[in-house]
């Protein structure tokens, strides 16, 4: 049980340092357009890196997950609402999963 608390403390320190160090080290405005654009896309890349593996392992078969993801991608690129995209992706993955059993 002691090990769990030490893991939580280390995780909290790392999380705090990641958020606090840029605030303390960078005092002036960033003028480089490359650095600005890089920092602009970091949250999106991080979210994608955390979400995509979960999408592939959300169902029993990877094929149904991939088909649901493709449906979600097509709907999102066609500017459909988040509720429509999520609902359609879940429904398609569910139907494909039924046919694969």
C-alpha atoms as a PDB file:
ATOM      1  CA  UNK A   1       0.000   0.000   0.000  1.00  0.00           C
ATOM      2  CA  UNK A   2       2.928   2.349   0.653  1.00  0.00           C
ATOM      3  CA  UNK A   3       4.007   1.873  -2.929  1.00  0.00           C
ATOM      4  CA  UNK A   4       0.685   3.204  -4.226  1.00  0.00           C
ATOM      5  CA  UNK A   5       1.063   6.431  -2.274  1.00  0.00           C
ATOM      6  CA  UNK A   6       4.595   6.963  -3.546  1.00  0.00           C
ATOM      7  CA  UNK A   7       3.364   6.474  -7.128  1.00  0.00           C
ATOM      8  CA  UNK A   8       0.608   9.021  -6.574  1.00  0.00           C
ATOM      9  CA  UNK A   9       3.049  11.536  -5.101  1.00  0.00           C
ATOM     10  CA  UNK A  10       5.513  11.103  -7.969  1.00  0.00           C
ATOM     11  CA  UNK A  11       2.694  11.472 -10.505  1.00  0.00           C
ATOM     12  CA  UNK A  12       1.470  14.651  -8.775  1.00  0.00           C
ATOM     13  CA  UNK A  13       4.966  16.148  -8.752  1.00  0.00           C
ATOM     14  CA  UNK A  14       5.568  15.348 -12.411  1.00  0.00           C
ATOM     15  CA  UNK A  15       2.190  16.780 -13.381  1.00  0.00           C
ATOM     16  CA  UNK A  16       2.837  19.928 -11.363  1.00  0.00           C
ATOM     17  CA  UNK A  17       6.327  20.389 -12.811  1.00  0.00           C
ATOM     18  CA  UNK A  18       5.061  20.006 -16.369  1.00  0.00           C
ATOM     19  CA  UNK A  19       2.561  22.796 -15.741  1.00  0.00           C
ATOM     20  CA  UNK A  20       4.713  25.052 -13.559  1.00  0.00           C
ATOM     21  CA  UNK A  21       8.072  24.997 -15.345  1.00  0.00           C
ATOM     22  CA  UNK A  22       6.925  26.781 -18.516  1.00  0.00           C
ATOM     23  CA  UNK A  23       5.353  29.508 -16.398  1.00  0.00           C
ATOM     24  CA  UNK A  24       8.571  30.073 -14.454  1.00  0.00           C
ATOM     25  CA  UNK A  25      11.100  29.613 -17.266  1.00  0.00           C
ATOM     26  CA  UNK A  26       9.409  31.539 -20.059  1.00  0.00           C
ATOM     27  CA  UNK A  27       8.826  35.120 -18.968  1.00  0.00           C
ATOM     28  CA  UNK A  28       8.703  36.955 -22.291  1.00  0.00           C
ATOM     29  CA  UNK A  29       6.374  36.593 -25.257  1.00  0.00           C
ATOM     30  CA  UNK A  30       7.167  33.831 -27.743  1.00  0.00           C
ATOM     31  CA  UNK A  31       7.839  35.420 -31.125  1.00  0.00           C
ATOM     32  CA  UNK A  32       8.802  32.393 -33.187  1.00  0.00           C
ATOM     33  CA  UNK A  33       5.901  31.373 -35.399  1.00  0.00           C
ATOM     34  CA  UNK A  34       7.219  27.802 -35.504  1.00  0.00           C
ATOM     35  CA  UNK A  35       7.206  27.471 -31.706  1.00  0.00           C
ATOM     36  CA  UNK A  36       3.762  29.107 -31.493  1.00  0.00           C
ATOM     37  CA  UNK A  37       2.293  26.724 -34.060  1.00  0.00           C
ATOM     38  CA  UNK A  38       3.995  23.758 -32.364  1.00  0.00           C
ATOM     39  CA  UNK A  39       2.531  24.711 -28.981  1.00  0.00           C
ATOM     40  CA  UNK A  40      -0.862  25.299 -30.564  1.00  0.00           C
ATOM     41  CA  UNK A  41      -1.099  21.681 -31.778  1.00  0.00           C
ATOM     42  CA  UNK A  42       0.328  19.964 -28.673  1.00  0.00           C
ATOM     43  CA  UNK A  43      -3.073  19.523 -26.936  1.00  0.00           C
ATOM     44  CA  UNK A  44      -4.648  18.053 -30.074  1.00  0.00           C
ATOM     45  CA  UNK A  45      -1.757  15.653 -30.617  1.00  0.00           C
ATOM     46  CA  UNK A  46      -1.822  14.587 -26.983  1.00  0.00           C
ATOM     47  CA  UNK A  47      -5.561  13.989 -27.050  1.00  0.00           C
ATOM     48  CA  UNK A  48      -5.246  11.958 -30.252  1.00  0.00           C
ATOM     49  CA  UNK A  49      -2.383   9.897 -28.820  1.00  0.00           C
ATOM     50  CA  UNK A  50      -4.439   9.039 -25.741  1.00  0.00           C
ATOM     51  CA  UNK A  51      -7.739   8.448 -27.548  1.00  0.00           C
ATOM     52  CA  UNK A  52      -6.773   6.429 -30.620  1.00  0.00           C
ATOM     53  CA  UNK A  53      -5.487   3.300 -28.802  1.00  0.00           C
ATOM     54  CA  UNK A  54      -8.625   3.319 -26.637  1.00  0.00           C
ATOM     55  CA  UNK A  55     -10.768   3.443 -29.784  1.00  0.00           C
ATOM     56  CA  UNK A  56      -9.084   0.343 -31.209  1.00  0.00           C
ATOM     57  CA  UNK A  57      -9.588  -1.664 -28.022  1.00  0.00           C
ATOM     58  CA  UNK A  58     -13.124  -0.484 -27.193  1.00  0.00           C
ATOM     59  CA  UNK A  59     -14.799  -3.577 -28.668  1.00  0.00           C
ATOM     60  CA  UNK A  60     -14.047  -7.280 -28.813  1.00  0.00           C
ATOM     61  CA  UNK A  61     -12.974  -7.075 -32.463  1.00  0.00           C
ATOM     62  CA  UNK A  62     -10.592  -4.461 -33.814  1.00  0.00           C
ATOM     63  CA  UNK A  63     -12.472  -4.488 -37.124  1.00  0.00           C
ATOM     64  CA  UNK A  64     -15.659  -3.135 -35.556  1.00  0.00           C
ATOM     65  CA  UNK A  65     -13.654  -0.428 -33.790  1.00  0.00           C
ATOM     66  CA  UNK A  66     -11.932   0.585 -37.007  1.00  0.00           C
ATOM     67  CA  UNK A  67     -15.223   0.736 -38.936  1.00  0.00           C
ATOM     68  CA  UNK A  68     -16.786   2.833 -36.163  1.00  0.00           C
ATOM     69  CA  UNK A  69     -13.753   5.133 -36.219  1.00  0.00           C
ATOM     70  CA  UNK A  70     -13.986   5.546 -40.001  1.00  0.00           C
ATOM     71  CA  UNK A  71     -17.675   6.428 -39.707  1.00  0.00           C
ATOM     72  CA  UNK A  72     -16.872   8.957 -36.977  1.00  0.00           C
ATOM     73  CA  UNK A  73     -14.068  10.439 -39.054  1.00  0.00           C
ATOM     74  CA  UNK A  74     -16.259  10.821 -42.145  1.00  0.00           C
ATOM     75  CA  UNK A  75     -19.071  12.426 -40.155  1.00  0.00           C
ATOM     76  CA  UNK A  76     -16.690  14.751 -38.320  1.00  0.00           C
ATOM     77  CA  UNK A  77     -15.069  15.852 -41.575  1.00  0.00           C
ATOM     78  CA  UNK A  78     -18.573  16.616 -42.884  1.00  0.00           C
ATOM     79  CA  UNK A  79     -19.084  18.959 -39.885  1.00  0.00           C
ATOM     80  CA  UNK A  80     -21.752  16.922 -38.104  1.00  0.00           C
ATOM     81  CA  UNK A  81     -22.429  17.552 -34.417  1.00  0.00           C
ATOM     82  CA  UNK A  82     -20.471  15.746 -31.710  1.00  0.00           C
ATOM     83  CA  UNK A  83     -23.583  13.897 -30.561  1.00  0.00           C
ATOM     84  CA  UNK A  84     -24.285  12.696 -34.108  1.00  0.00           C
ATOM     85  CA  UNK A  85     -20.691  11.581 -34.646  1.00  0.00           C
ATOM     86  CA  UNK A  86     -20.457   9.717 -31.334  1.00  0.00           C
ATOM     87  CA  UNK A  87     -23.878   8.119 -31.655  1.00  0.00           C
ATOM     88  CA  UNK A  88     -23.355   6.962 -35.224  1.00  0.00           C
ATOM     89  CA  UNK A  89     -19.886   5.576 -34.456  1.00  0.00           C
ATOM     90  CA  UNK A  90     -21.210   3.634 -31.458  1.00  0.00           C
ATOM     91  CA  UNK A  91     -24.198   2.329 -33.406  1.00  0.00           C
ATOM     92  CA  UNK A  92     -22.084   1.203 -36.362  1.00  0.00           C
ATOM     93  CA  UNK A  93     -19.520  -0.470 -34.098  1.00  0.00           C
ATOM     94  CA  UNK A  94     -22.357  -2.216 -32.247  1.00  0.00           C
ATOM     95  CA  UNK A  95     -23.987  -3.499 -35.443  1.00  0.00           C
ATOM     96  CA  UNK A  96     -20.664  -4.711 -36.871  1.00  0.00           C
ATOM     97  CA  UNK A  97     -19.895  -6.405 -33.556  1.00  0.00           C
ATOM     98  CA  UNK A  98     -23.245  -8.256 -33.728  1.00  0.00           C
ATOM     99  CA  UNK A  99     -22.487  -9.531 -37.224  1.00  0.00           C
ATOM    100  CA  UNK A 100     -18.970 -10.642 -36.254  1.00  0.00           C
ATOM    101  CA  UNK A 101     -20.239 -12.860 -33.419  1.00  0.00           C
END
